[in-house]
Amino acid sequence: MSTAITADALGTAAPVLSFSPVVLSVPGRPVDLHVRVSAPATGTGLPVILFSHGHGPSNNLSSLNGYAPLTDFWAAHGFVVVQPTHLTSSTLTHLVADAPGAPDFWRSRAEDMTHILDQLDVIENAVPQLAGRIDHTKVALAGHSLGGFTAGLLLGAGLTDPDTGNVVHLVEPRIKAGVLLAAPGRGGDVLNGPMAEQWPIIGAVDFSTMTAPTLVVAGDKDDPRHFTDMGPDWHADPYTLAPGPKTLLTLFDAEHGLGGIAGYDAAETTDENPERVAALAQLAAAYLHTQLHPGASTWEIACEALTAGPDPIGRVEFK
């Protein structure tokens, strides 16, 4: 496969400046909201990608310090990437274990992104050399695993609050498009694995109202048996059960880490594959670039380069 073609479609890579933490005060939040901001050293009118981290066994990958293989590439190719440390982060467990909403903090995780957008001008002015370079009208979102769950809510999915039985909508209309990476799927009878009782919130999502344009990424070897016996197709549910426009990218031979997106050389990655990670970073960037710049051919070029030909990284379908 020719990854160079895709990179060319996104423009020449720029050096990246990364600044953290930017500390935002949020009334009622048990600790301040810390974010990392990564941006190209050059360029103006830059679109924004908010990134929601997953959970996982590591201390720091589930925080603003994770997912550099994706965020570095995105920033080098013209995006401002903002990564919050959610209250579910292992780095905060000792501080928030008894806080309201623990341990899943599903509402807080989504609200973190709204707080970031509310204070985007504060963030922009806090980061050296960034002021005046962001296009506040071009905002996208990505999230991995539990972060994909969070992203789904912000893109329009409803959720039945297990404490009240009420349906909650946390959609953020300022977000124009999203990428769900190995996100959880449906609930109901298929949510029958050993972890289902510990995380009932996972099965409480209704994808039928997730109307925003979304790229759903699923690994065809990502077996979610701790939640369901449905198999890897469970992770395609946000595509299958949501209305269009949606795109599904199925990565061949990928497990839950999708090749190692959570960090460089992370030992916990079960399917380490730097080529897959590089291709995914490019495809996600191309998808969001095209969504934020209607008429751009970036996504079409990326798909041709990476999912067609004799050695495809995966397959793409859309509705």
C-alpha atoms as a PDB file:
ATOM      1  CA  MET A   1       0.000   0.000   0.000  1.00  0.00           C
ATOM      2  CA  SER A   2       1.184   3.538  -0.664  1.00  0.00           C
ATOM      3  CA  THR A   3       0.899   5.588   2.502  1.00  0.00           C
ATOM      4  CA  ALA A   4       2.786   8.450   0.817  1.00  0.00           C
ATOM      5  CA  ILE A   5      -0.183   9.136  -1.474  1.00  0.00           C
ATOM      6  CA  THR A   6      -2.434   9.666   1.509  1.00  0.00           C
ATOM      7  CA  ALA A   7       0.005  11.893   3.337  1.00  0.00           C
ATOM      8  CA  ASP A   8       0.357  14.032   0.190  1.00  0.00           C
ATOM      9  CA  ALA A   9      -3.414  14.439   0.057  1.00  0.00           C
ATOM     10  CA  LEU A  10      -3.325  15.866   3.568  1.00  0.00           C
ATOM     11  CA  GLY A  11      -0.406  18.171   2.802  1.00  0.00           C
ATOM     12  CA  THR A  12       3.194  18.158   3.913  1.00  0.00           C
ATOM     13  CA  ALA A  13       3.739  17.262   7.561  1.00  0.00           C
ATOM     14  CA  ALA A  14       4.619  20.222   9.757  1.00  0.00           C
ATOM     15  CA  PRO A  15       6.573  20.215  13.016  1.00  0.00           C
ATOM     16  CA  VAL A  16       4.217  19.869  15.971  1.00  0.00           C
ATOM     17  CA  LEU A  17       4.025  21.970  19.091  1.00  0.00           C
ATOM     18  CA  SER A  18       2.467  20.212  22.085  1.00  0.00           C
ATOM     19  CA  PHE A  19       1.534  22.080  25.247  1.00  0.00           C
ATOM     20  CA  SER A  20       0.225  20.623  28.506  1.00  0.00           C
ATOM     21  CA  PRO A  21      -1.395  20.975  30.810  1.00  0.00           C
ATOM     22  CA  VAL A  22      -3.783  23.749  29.999  1.00  0.00           C
ATOM     23  CA  VAL A  23      -5.864  23.878  33.173  1.00  0.00           C
ATOM     24  CA  LEU A  24      -9.534  24.768  32.967  1.00  0.00           C
ATOM     25  CA  SER A  25     -11.606  25.471  36.045  1.00  0.00           C
ATOM     26  CA  VAL A  26     -15.025  23.814  35.870  1.00  0.00           C
ATOM     27  CA  PRO A  27     -17.486  24.547  38.686  1.00  0.00           C
ATOM     28  CA  GLY A  28     -18.666  21.357  40.378  1.00  0.00           C
ATOM     29  CA  ARG A  29     -15.997  19.140  38.821  1.00  0.00           C
ATOM     30  CA  PRO A  30     -14.039  17.435  41.632  1.00  0.00           C
ATOM     31  CA  VAL A  31     -10.701  18.343  40.011  1.00  0.00           C
ATOM     32  CA  ASP A  32      -9.719  20.894  37.387  1.00  0.00           C
ATOM     33  CA  LEU A  33      -9.934  19.825  33.746  1.00  0.00           C
ATOM     34  CA  HIS A  34      -6.437  19.303  32.323  1.00  0.00           C
ATOM     35  CA  VAL A  35      -5.940  19.189  28.559  1.00  0.00           C
ATOM     36  CA  ARG A  36      -3.057  18.716  26.138  1.00  0.00           C
ATOM     37  CA  VAL A  37      -3.070  20.783  22.969  1.00  0.00           C
ATOM     38  CA  SER A  38      -1.087  19.672  19.915  1.00  0.00           C
ATOM     39  CA  ALA A  39      -0.928  21.805  16.778  1.00  0.00           C
ATOM     40  CA  PRO A  40       1.160  22.300  13.660  1.00  0.00           C
ATOM     41  CA  ALA A  41       3.843  24.945  14.055  1.00  0.00           C
ATOM     42  CA  THR A  42       2.527  26.710  10.950  1.00  0.00           C
ATOM     43  CA  GLY A  43      -0.824  27.443   9.345  1.00  0.00           C
ATOM     44  CA  THR A  44      -4.023  29.323  10.110  1.00  0.00           C
ATOM     45  CA  GLY A  45      -7.723  28.519   9.966  1.00  0.00           C
ATOM     46  CA  LEU A  46      -6.914  25.225  11.690  1.00  0.00           C
ATOM     47  CA  PRO A  47      -9.779  22.804  12.431  1.00  0.00           C
ATOM     48  CA  VAL A  48     -10.066  21.130  15.841  1.00  0.00           C
ATOM     49  CA  ILE A  49     -10.205  17.468  16.821  1.00  0.00           C
ATOM     50  CA  LEU A  50     -11.329  16.715  20.371  1.00  0.00           C
ATOM     51  CA  PHE A  51     -10.034  13.322  21.504  1.00  0.00           C
ATOM     52  CA  SER A  52     -11.618  11.135  24.197  1.00  0.00           C
ATOM     53  CA  HIS A  53      -9.291   8.521  25.692  1.00  0.00           C
ATOM     54  CA  GLY A  54     -10.286   5.014  26.687  1.00  0.00           C
ATOM     55  CA  HIS A  55      -9.794   3.197  29.964  1.00  0.00           C
ATOM     56  CA  GLY A  56      -7.196   0.437  29.823  1.00  0.00           C
ATOM     57  CA  PRO A  57      -4.659  -0.931  32.310  1.00  0.00           C
ATOM     58  CA  SER A  58      -1.947   1.718  31.959  1.00  0.00           C
ATOM     59  CA  ASN A  59      -1.698   4.697  34.258  1.00  0.00           C
ATOM     60  CA  ASN A  60      -0.976   7.430  31.739  1.00  0.00           C
ATOM     61  CA  LEU A  61      -2.324   6.260  28.392  1.00  0.00           C
ATOM     62  CA  SER A  62      -5.822   6.881  29.764  1.00  0.00           C
ATOM     63  CA  SER A  63      -5.107  10.601  30.050  1.00  0.00           C
ATOM     64  CA  LEU A  64      -3.913  13.615  28.092  1.00  0.00           C
ATOM     65  CA  ASN A  65      -0.602  11.753  27.709  1.00  0.00           C
ATOM     66  CA  GLY A  66      -1.983   8.926  25.544  1.00  0.00           C
ATOM     67  CA  TYR A  67      -2.628   8.227  21.862  1.00  0.00           C
ATOM     68  CA  ALA A  68       0.411  10.050  20.487  1.00  0.00           C
ATOM     69  CA  PRO A  69       0.580   7.831  17.348  1.00  0.00           C
ATOM     70  CA  LEU A  70      -2.716   9.391  16.258  1.00  0.00           C
ATOM     71  CA  THR A  71      -2.572  12.862  17.746  1.00  0.00           C
ATOM     72  CA  ASP A  72       0.958  13.596  16.530  1.00  0.00           C
ATOM     73  CA  PHE A  73       0.002  12.715  12.962  1.00  0.00           C
ATOM     74  CA  TRP A  74      -3.215  14.712  13.062  1.00  0.00           C
ATOM     75  CA  ALA A  75      -1.452  17.783  14.435  1.00  0.00           C
ATOM     76  CA  ALA A  76       1.348  17.467  11.867  1.00  0.00           C
ATOM     77  CA  HIS A  77      -1.277  17.485   9.124  1.00  0.00           C
ATOM     78  CA  GLY A  78      -3.196  20.591  10.026  1.00  0.00           C
ATOM     79  CA  PHE A  79      -5.433  19.872  13.021  1.00  0.00           C
ATOM     80  CA  VAL A  80      -5.406  21.297  16.527  1.00  0.00           C
ATOM     81  CA  VAL A  81      -5.897  18.256  18.765  1.00  0.00           C
ATOM     82  CA  VAL A  82      -7.271  18.781  22.277  1.00  0.00           C
ATOM     83  CA  GLN A  83      -7.010  15.847  24.701  1.00  0.00           C
ATOM     84  CA  PRO A  84      -8.655  16.057  28.124  1.00  0.00           C
ATOM     85  CA  THR A  85      -7.911  13.839  31.080  1.00  0.00           C
ATOM     86  CA  HIS A  86     -11.365  12.480  31.950  1.00  0.00           C
ATOM     87  CA  LEU A  87     -12.304  11.594  35.519  1.00  0.00           C
ATOM     88  CA  THR A  88     -12.073   7.887  34.599  1.00  0.00           C
ATOM     89  CA  SER A  89      -8.308   8.220  34.134  1.00  0.00           C
ATOM     90  CA  SER A  90      -6.173   5.936  36.284  1.00  0.00           C
ATOM     91  CA  THR A  91      -4.117   9.010  37.146  1.00  0.00           C
ATOM     92  CA  LEU A  92      -7.100  10.448  39.042  1.00  0.00           C
ATOM     93  CA  THR A  93      -8.571   7.354  40.721  1.00  0.00           C
ATOM     94  CA  HIS A  94      -7.127   8.235  44.134  1.00  0.00           C
ATOM     95  CA  LEU A  95      -8.730  11.675  43.951  1.00  0.00           C
ATOM     96  CA  VAL A  96     -12.191  10.932  42.564  1.00  0.00           C
ATOM     97  CA  ALA A  97     -13.011   7.350  43.599  1.00  0.00           C
ATOM     98  CA  ASP A  98     -15.851   8.559  45.833  1.00  0.00           C
ATOM     99  CA  ALA A  99     -17.023  11.443  43.645  1.00  0.00           C
ATOM    100  CA  PRO A 100     -20.571  11.489  42.232  1.00  0.00           C
ATOM    101  CA  GLY A 101     -20.680   9.596  38.954  1.00  0.00           C
ATOM    102  CA  ALA A 102     -17.858   7.192  39.790  1.00  0.00           C
ATOM    103  CA  PRO A 103     -16.576   4.907  38.425  1.00  0.00           C
ATOM    104  CA  ASP A 104     -17.790   5.383  34.835  1.00  0.00           C
ATOM    105  CA  PHE A 105     -18.342   9.188  34.902  1.00  0.00           C
ATOM    106  CA  TRP A 106     -20.321   8.855  31.666  1.00  0.00           C
ATOM    107  CA  ARG A 107     -21.935  12.278  31.938  1.00  0.00           C
ATOM    108  CA  SER A 108     -18.763  14.057  33.037  1.00  0.00           C
ATOM    109  CA  ARG A 109     -16.739  12.568  30.177  1.00  0.00           C
ATOM    110  CA  ALA A 110     -19.121  14.013  27.593  1.00  0.00           C
ATOM    111  CA  GLU A 111     -19.445  17.320  29.438  1.00  0.00           C
ATOM    112  CA  ASP A 112     -15.641  17.684  29.407  1.00  0.00           C
ATOM    113  CA  MET A 113     -15.842  18.247  25.648  1.00  0.00           C
ATOM    114  CA  THR A 114     -18.545  20.888  25.989  1.00  0.00           C
ATOM    115  CA  HIS A 115     -16.444  22.686  28.627  1.00  0.00           C
ATOM    116  CA  ILE A 116     -13.475  22.640  26.223  1.00  0.00           C
ATOM    117  CA  LEU A 117     -15.542  24.182  23.443  1.00  0.00           C
ATOM    118  CA  ASP A 118     -16.961  26.765  25.839  1.00  0.00           C
ATOM    119  CA  GLN A 119     -13.390  27.792  26.730  1.00  0.00           C
ATOM    120  CA  LEU A 120     -11.715  27.243  23.357  1.00  0.00           C
ATOM    121  CA  ASP A 121     -10.648  30.885  23.222  1.00  0.00           C
ATOM    122  CA  VAL A 122      -9.039  30.502  26.662  1.00  0.00           C
ATOM    123  CA  ILE A 123      -7.169  27.419  25.452  1.00  0.00           C
ATOM    124  CA  GLU A 124      -6.095  29.130  22.249  1.00  0.00           C
ATOM    125  CA  ASN A 125      -4.650  32.081  24.136  1.00  0.00           C
ATOM    126  CA  ALA A 126      -2.953  29.874  26.740  1.00  0.00           C
ATOM    127  CA  VAL A 127      -0.868  27.985  24.171  1.00  0.00           C
ATOM    128  CA  PRO A 128       2.142  29.897  22.852  1.00  0.00           C
ATOM    129  CA  GLN A 129       1.988  30.715  19.128  1.00  0.00           C
ATOM    130  CA  LEU A 130      -1.585  29.438  18.730  1.00  0.00           C
ATOM    131  CA  ALA A 131      -3.696  32.575  19.218  1.00  0.00           C
ATOM    132  CA  GLY A 132      -5.717  33.510  16.140  1.00  0.00           C
ATOM    133  CA  ARG A 133      -4.929  30.303  14.249  1.00  0.00           C
ATOM    134  CA  ILE A 134      -8.004  28.145  15.062  1.00  0.00           C
ATOM    135  CA  ASP A 135     -11.201  27.979  13.018  1.00  0.00           C
ATOM    136  CA  HIS A 136     -13.777  27.684  15.788  1.00  0.00           C
ATOM    137  CA  THR A 137     -16.480  26.620  13.306  1.00  0.00           C
ATOM    138  CA  LYS A 138     -14.644  23.447  12.236  1.00  0.00           C
ATOM    139  CA  VAL A 139     -14.765  21.016  15.161  1.00  0.00           C
ATOM    140  CA  ALA A 140     -14.567  17.230  14.992  1.00  0.00           C
ATOM    141  CA  LEU A 141     -14.293  14.489  17.586  1.00  0.00           C
ATOM    142  CA  ALA A 142     -12.619  11.112  17.966  1.00  0.00           C
ATOM    143  CA  GLY A 143     -12.548   8.537  20.747  1.00  0.00           C
ATOM    144  CA  HIS A 144     -11.240   5.039  21.412  1.00  0.00           C
ATOM    145  CA  SER A 145     -13.101   2.273  23.279  1.00  0.00           C
ATOM    146  CA  LEU A 146     -14.783   4.010  26.237  1.00  0.00           C
ATOM    147  CA  GLY A 147     -13.830   7.211  24.425  1.00  0.00           C
ATOM    148  CA  GLY A 148     -15.831   5.951  21.454  1.00  0.00           C
ATOM    149  CA  PHE A 149     -18.783   5.524  23.799  1.00  0.00           C
ATOM    150  CA  THR A 150     -18.337   9.139  24.923  1.00  0.00           C
ATOM    151  CA  ALA A 151     -18.007  10.348  21.344  1.00  0.00           C
ATOM    152  CA  GLY A 152     -21.245   8.599  20.399  1.00  0.00           C
ATOM    153  CA  LEU A 153     -23.168  10.580  23.010  1.00  0.00           C
ATOM    154  CA  LEU A 154     -21.732  13.856  21.762  1.00  0.00           C
ATOM    155  CA  LEU A 155     -22.639  12.918  18.179  1.00  0.00           C
ATOM    156  CA  GLY A 156     -26.276  12.345  19.108  1.00  0.00           C
ATOM    157  CA  ALA A 157     -26.751   8.905  20.655  1.00  0.00           C
ATOM    158  CA  GLY A 158     -29.243   8.786  23.500  1.00  0.00           C
ATOM    159  CA  LEU A 159     -28.639   7.061  26.811  1.00  0.00           C
ATOM    160  CA  THR A 160     -31.024   5.661  29.406  1.00  0.00           C
ATOM    161  CA  ASP A 161     -29.723   6.835  32.763  1.00  0.00           C
ATOM    162  CA  PRO A 162     -29.567   3.658  34.880  1.00  0.00           C
ATOM    163  CA  ASP A 163     -30.192   5.679  38.041  1.00  0.00           C
ATOM    164  CA  THR A 164     -33.370   7.430  36.889  1.00  0.00           C
ATOM    165  CA  GLY A 165     -34.599   5.537  33.830  1.00  0.00           C
ATOM    166  CA  ASN A 166     -34.759   8.820  31.923  1.00  0.00           C
ATOM    167  CA  VAL A 167     -33.348   9.144  28.415  1.00  0.00           C
ATOM    168  CA  VAL A 168     -30.503  11.647  28.345  1.00  0.00           C
ATOM    169  CA  HIS A 169     -29.155  13.460  25.278  1.00  0.00           C
ATOM    170  CA  LEU A 170     -25.742  15.114  25.520  1.00  0.00           C
ATOM    171  CA  VAL A 171     -25.348  15.960  21.829  1.00  0.00           C
ATOM    172  CA  GLU A 172     -22.904  18.795  21.137  1.00  0.00           C
ATOM    173  CA  PRO A 173     -24.070  20.646  18.011  1.00  0.00           C
ATOM    174  CA  ARG A 174     -20.746  22.441  17.570  1.00  0.00           C
ATOM    175  CA  ILE A 175     -19.159  19.087  16.672  1.00  0.00           C
ATOM    176  CA  LYS A 176     -19.612  18.512  12.943  1.00  0.00           C
ATOM    177  CA  ALA A 177     -18.304  14.927  12.546  1.00  0.00           C
ATOM    178  CA  GLY A 178     -16.677  12.121  14.479  1.00  0.00           C
ATOM    179  CA  VAL A 179     -14.560   8.986  14.452  1.00  0.00           C
ATOM    180  CA  LEU A 180     -15.448   6.080  16.764  1.00  0.00           C
ATOM    181  CA  LEU A 181     -12.507   3.710  17.291  1.00  0.00           C
ATOM    182  CA  ALA A 182     -13.379   0.227  18.643  1.00  0.00           C
ATOM    183  CA  ALA A 183     -16.437   1.652  20.398  1.00  0.00           C
ATOM    184  CA  PRO A 184     -18.916  -0.491  22.365  1.00  0.00           C
ATOM    185  CA  GLY A 185     -22.037  -1.740  20.625  1.00  0.00           C
ATOM    186  CA  ARG A 186     -25.617  -2.491  21.561  1.00  0.00           C
ATOM    187  CA  GLY A 187     -27.087  -3.562  24.881  1.00  0.00           C
ATOM    188  CA  GLY A 188     -30.112  -5.751  25.486  1.00  0.00           C
ATOM    189  CA  ASP A 189     -29.908  -9.522  25.412  1.00  0.00           C
ATOM    190  CA  VAL A 190     -26.539  -9.550  23.642  1.00  0.00           C
ATOM    191  CA  LEU A 191     -24.867  -7.771  26.561  1.00  0.00           C
ATOM    192  CA  ASN A 192     -24.301 -11.071  28.347  1.00  0.00           C
ATOM    193  CA  GLY A 193     -20.578 -11.148  29.180  1.00  0.00           C
ATOM    194  CA  PRO A 194     -19.003 -11.103  32.657  1.00  0.00           C
ATOM    195  CA  MET A 195     -18.345  -7.346  32.545  1.00  0.00           C
ATOM    196  CA  ALA A 196     -21.912  -6.429  31.598  1.00  0.00           C
ATOM    197  CA  GLU A 197     -23.127  -6.166  35.195  1.00  0.00           C
ATOM    198  CA  GLN A 198     -20.155  -4.026  36.222  1.00  0.00           C
ATOM    199  CA  TRP A 199     -20.689  -1.572  33.335  1.00  0.00           C
ATOM    200  CA  PRO A 200     -24.475  -1.458  32.735  1.00  0.00           C
ATOM    201  CA  ILE A 201     -24.069   1.978  31.199  1.00  0.00           C
ATOM    202  CA  ILE A 202     -22.439   0.356  28.156  1.00  0.00           C
ATOM    203  CA  GLY A 203     -25.714  -1.261  27.158  1.00  0.00           C
ATOM    204  CA  ALA A 204     -27.822   1.832  27.771  1.00  0.00           C
ATOM    205  CA  VAL A 205     -27.013   3.628  24.505  1.00  0.00           C
ATOM    206  CA  ASP A 206     -29.510   4.200  21.692  1.00  0.00           C
ATOM    207  CA  PHE A 207     -27.696   4.791  18.404  1.00  0.00           C
ATOM    208  CA  SER A 208     -30.884   5.598  16.461  1.00  0.00           C
ATOM    209  CA  THR A 209     -30.502   9.322  17.209  1.00  0.00           C
ATOM    210  CA  MET A 210     -26.766   9.530  16.371  1.00  0.00           C
ATOM    211  CA  THR A 211     -27.271  11.563  13.219  1.00  0.00           C
ATOM    212  CA  ALA A 212     -23.916  13.328  12.825  1.00  0.00           C
ATOM    213  CA  PRO A 213     -21.553  12.121  10.068  1.00  0.00           C
ATOM    214  CA  THR A 214     -19.368   9.455  11.661  1.00  0.00           C
ATOM    215  CA  LEU A 215     -16.592   7.081  10.694  1.00  0.00           C
ATOM    216  CA  VAL A 216     -16.922   3.874  12.724  1.00  0.00           C
ATOM    217  CA  VAL A 217     -13.678   1.876  12.920  1.00  0.00           C
ATOM    218  CA  ALA A 218     -13.794  -1.785  13.971  1.00  0.00           C
ATOM    219  CA  GLY A 219     -11.136  -4.481  14.033  1.00  0.00           C
ATOM    220  CA  ASP A 220     -12.242  -7.820  12.586  1.00  0.00           C
ATOM    221  CA  LYS A 221     -10.324  -9.634  15.377  1.00  0.00           C
ATOM    222  CA  ASP A 222     -11.585  -7.387  18.204  1.00  0.00           C
ATOM    223  CA  ASP A 223     -13.453  -9.986  20.275  1.00  0.00           C
ATOM    224  CA  PRO A 224     -15.527  -8.297  23.030  1.00  0.00           C
ATOM    225  CA  ARG A 225     -16.303 -11.523  24.911  1.00  0.00           C
ATOM    226  CA  HIS A 226     -16.073  -9.732  28.289  1.00  0.00           C
ATOM    227  CA  PHE A 227     -19.242  -7.858  27.246  1.00  0.00           C
ATOM    228  CA  THR A 228     -20.946 -10.069  24.671  1.00  0.00           C
ATOM    229  CA  ASP A 229     -20.742 -13.287  22.694  1.00  0.00           C
ATOM    230  CA  MET A 230     -21.735 -11.363  19.553  1.00  0.00           C
ATOM    231  CA  GLY A 231     -18.135 -11.260  18.303  1.00  0.00           C
ATOM    232  CA  PRO A 232     -16.261  -8.438  16.550  1.00  0.00           C
ATOM    233  CA  ASP A 233     -19.424  -7.285  14.744  1.00  0.00           C
ATOM    234  CA  TRP A 234     -20.542  -5.758  18.062  1.00  0.00           C
ATOM    235  CA  HIS A 235     -18.075  -2.927  17.513  1.00  0.00           C
ATOM    236  CA  ALA A 236     -19.758  -2.135  14.189  1.00  0.00           C
ATOM    237  CA  ASP A 237     -23.104  -1.462  15.913  1.00  0.00           C
ATOM    238  CA  PRO A 238     -22.662   2.341  15.960  1.00  0.00           C
ATOM    239  CA  TYR A 239     -22.631   2.056  12.154  1.00  0.00           C
ATOM    240  CA  THR A 240     -25.266  -0.660  11.815  1.00  0.00           C
ATOM    241  CA  LEU A 241     -27.819   0.834  14.218  1.00  0.00           C
ATOM    242  CA  ALA A 242     -27.364   4.561  13.533  1.00  0.00           C
ATOM    243  CA  PRO A 243     -28.892   6.509  10.653  1.00  0.00           C
ATOM    244  CA  GLY A 244     -26.748   7.764   7.785  1.00  0.00           C
ATOM    245  CA  PRO A 245     -24.525   9.393   6.850  1.00  0.00           C
ATOM    246  CA  LYS A 246     -22.165   6.804   8.322  1.00  0.00           C
ATOM    247  CA  THR A 247     -18.995   5.093   7.131  1.00  0.00           C
ATOM    248  CA  LEU A 248     -17.603   1.788   8.430  1.00  0.00           C
ATOM    249  CA  LEU A 249     -13.905   0.981   8.227  1.00  0.00           C
ATOM    250  CA  THR A 250     -13.179  -2.645   9.122  1.00  0.00           C
ATOM    251  CA  LEU A 251      -9.467  -3.116   9.766  1.00  0.00           C
ATOM    252  CA  PHE A 252      -8.129  -6.549   8.830  1.00  0.00           C
ATOM    253  CA  ASP A 253      -6.526  -8.594  11.649  1.00  0.00           C
ATOM    254  CA  ALA A 254      -6.953  -5.713  14.116  1.00  0.00           C
ATOM    255  CA  GLU A 255      -7.751  -6.307  17.777  1.00  0.00           C
ATOM    256  CA  HIS A 256      -8.980  -3.786  20.344  1.00  0.00           C
ATOM    257  CA  GLY A 257      -5.794  -1.719  20.242  1.00  0.00           C
ATOM    258  CA  LEU A 258      -6.133  -1.357  16.460  1.00  0.00           C
ATOM    259  CA  GLY A 259      -2.422  -1.945  16.069  1.00  0.00           C
ATOM    260  CA  GLY A 260      -1.251   0.146  19.008  1.00  0.00           C
ATOM    261  CA  ILE A 261      -2.969   3.533  18.820  1.00  0.00           C
ATOM    262  CA  ALA A 262      -2.912   4.172  22.590  1.00  0.00           C
ATOM    263  CA  GLY A 263       0.829   4.858  22.741  1.00  0.00           C
ATOM    264  CA  TYR A 264       4.177   4.336  21.129  1.00  0.00           C
ATOM    265  CA  ASP A 265       5.555   0.861  21.917  1.00  0.00           C
ATOM    266  CA  ALA A 266       2.904   0.120  24.534  1.00  0.00           C
ATOM    267  CA  ALA A 267       3.535  -3.382  25.816  1.00  0.00           C
ATOM    268  CA  GLU A 268      -0.163  -3.952  26.478  1.00  0.00           C
ATOM    269  CA  THR A 269      -0.998  -3.767  22.782  1.00  0.00           C
ATOM    270  CA  THR A 270      -2.065  -7.248  21.660  1.00  0.00           C
ATOM    271  CA  ASP A 271      -1.815  -6.610  17.916  1.00  0.00           C
ATOM    272  CA  GLU A 272       1.119  -4.232  17.508  1.00  0.00           C
ATOM    273  CA  ASN A 273       1.323  -3.147  13.882  1.00  0.00           C
ATOM    274  CA  PRO A 274       2.862   0.266  13.154  1.00  0.00           C
ATOM    275  CA  GLU A 275       1.747   0.161   9.522  1.00  0.00           C
ATOM    276  CA  ARG A 276      -1.883  -0.320  10.594  1.00  0.00           C
ATOM    277  CA  VAL A 277      -1.622   2.559  13.073  1.00  0.00           C
ATOM    278  CA  ALA A 278      -0.117   4.834  10.417  1.00  0.00           C
ATOM    279  CA  ALA A 279      -2.842   3.928   7.924  1.00  0.00           C
ATOM    280  CA  LEU A 280      -5.588   4.481  10.501  1.00  0.00           C
ATOM    281  CA  ALA A 281      -4.166   7.879  11.466  1.00  0.00           C
ATOM    282  CA  GLN A 282      -4.222   8.888   7.812  1.00  0.00           C
ATOM    283  CA  LEU A 283      -7.687   7.535   7.079  1.00  0.00           C
ATOM    284  CA  ALA A 284      -9.217   9.211  10.135  1.00  0.00           C
ATOM    285  CA  ALA A 285      -7.560  12.530   9.283  1.00  0.00           C
ATOM    286  CA  ALA A 286      -8.702  12.257   5.663  1.00  0.00           C
ATOM    287  CA  TYR A 287     -12.282  11.483   6.693  1.00  0.00           C
ATOM    288  CA  LEU A 288     -12.483  14.436   9.073  1.00  0.00           C
ATOM    289  CA  HIS A 289     -10.749  16.768   6.616  1.00  0.00           C
ATOM    290  CA  THR A 290     -13.353  15.955   3.972  1.00  0.00           C
ATOM    291  CA  GLN A 291     -16.238  16.327   6.430  1.00  0.00           C
ATOM    292  CA  LEU A 292     -14.969  19.727   7.564  1.00  0.00           C
ATOM    293  CA  HIS A 293     -14.107  20.857   4.021  1.00  0.00           C
ATOM    294  CA  PRO A 294     -17.056  19.714   1.854  1.00  0.00           C
ATOM    295  CA  GLY A 295     -16.003  18.871  -1.658  1.00  0.00           C
ATOM    296  CA  ALA A 296     -12.433  17.940  -0.730  1.00  0.00           C
ATOM    297  CA  SER A 297     -11.240  14.669  -2.252  1.00  0.00           C
ATOM    298  CA  THR A 298      -8.971  13.769   0.695  1.00  0.00           C
ATOM    299  CA  TRP A 299     -11.089  10.824   1.873  1.00  0.00           C
ATOM    300  CA  GLU A 300     -11.509   9.430  -1.622  1.00  0.00           C
ATOM    301  CA  ILE A 301      -7.743   9.548  -2.212  1.00  0.00           C
ATOM    302  CA  ALA A 302      -7.009   7.946   1.167  1.00  0.00           C
ATOM    303  CA  CYS A 303      -9.428   5.089   0.565  1.00  0.00           C
ATOM    304  CA  GLU A 304      -7.978   4.429  -2.860  1.00  0.00           C
ATOM    305  CA  ALA A 305      -4.464   4.342  -1.453  1.00  0.00           C
ATOM    306  CA  LEU A 306      -5.093   2.282   1.661  1.00  0.00           C
ATOM    307  CA  THR A 307      -8.167   0.085   1.135  1.00  0.00           C
ATOM    308  CA  ALA A 308      -7.881  -0.765  -2.558  1.00  0.00           C
ATOM    309  CA  GLY A 309      -5.204  -2.648  -4.421  1.00  0.00           C
ATOM    310  CA  PRO A 310      -3.420  -5.894  -3.589  1.00  0.00           C
ATOM    311  CA  ASP A 311      -2.620  -5.188   0.081  1.00  0.00           C
ATOM    312  CA  PRO A 312      -5.571  -3.343   1.639  1.00  0.00           C
ATOM    313  CA  ILE A 313      -5.475  -2.328   5.300  1.00  0.00           C
ATOM    314  CA  GLY A 314      -9.219  -2.934   5.540  1.00  0.00           C
ATOM    315  CA  ARG A 315     -12.540  -2.448   3.775  1.00  0.00           C
ATOM    316  CA  VAL A 316     -14.898   0.514   3.675  1.00  0.00           C
ATOM    317  CA  GLU A 317     -18.681   0.680   3.362  1.00  0.00           C
ATOM    318  CA  PHE A 318     -21.059   3.574   3.802  1.00  0.00           C
ATOM    319  CA  LYS A 319     -24.688   4.548   3.990  1.00  0.00           C
END
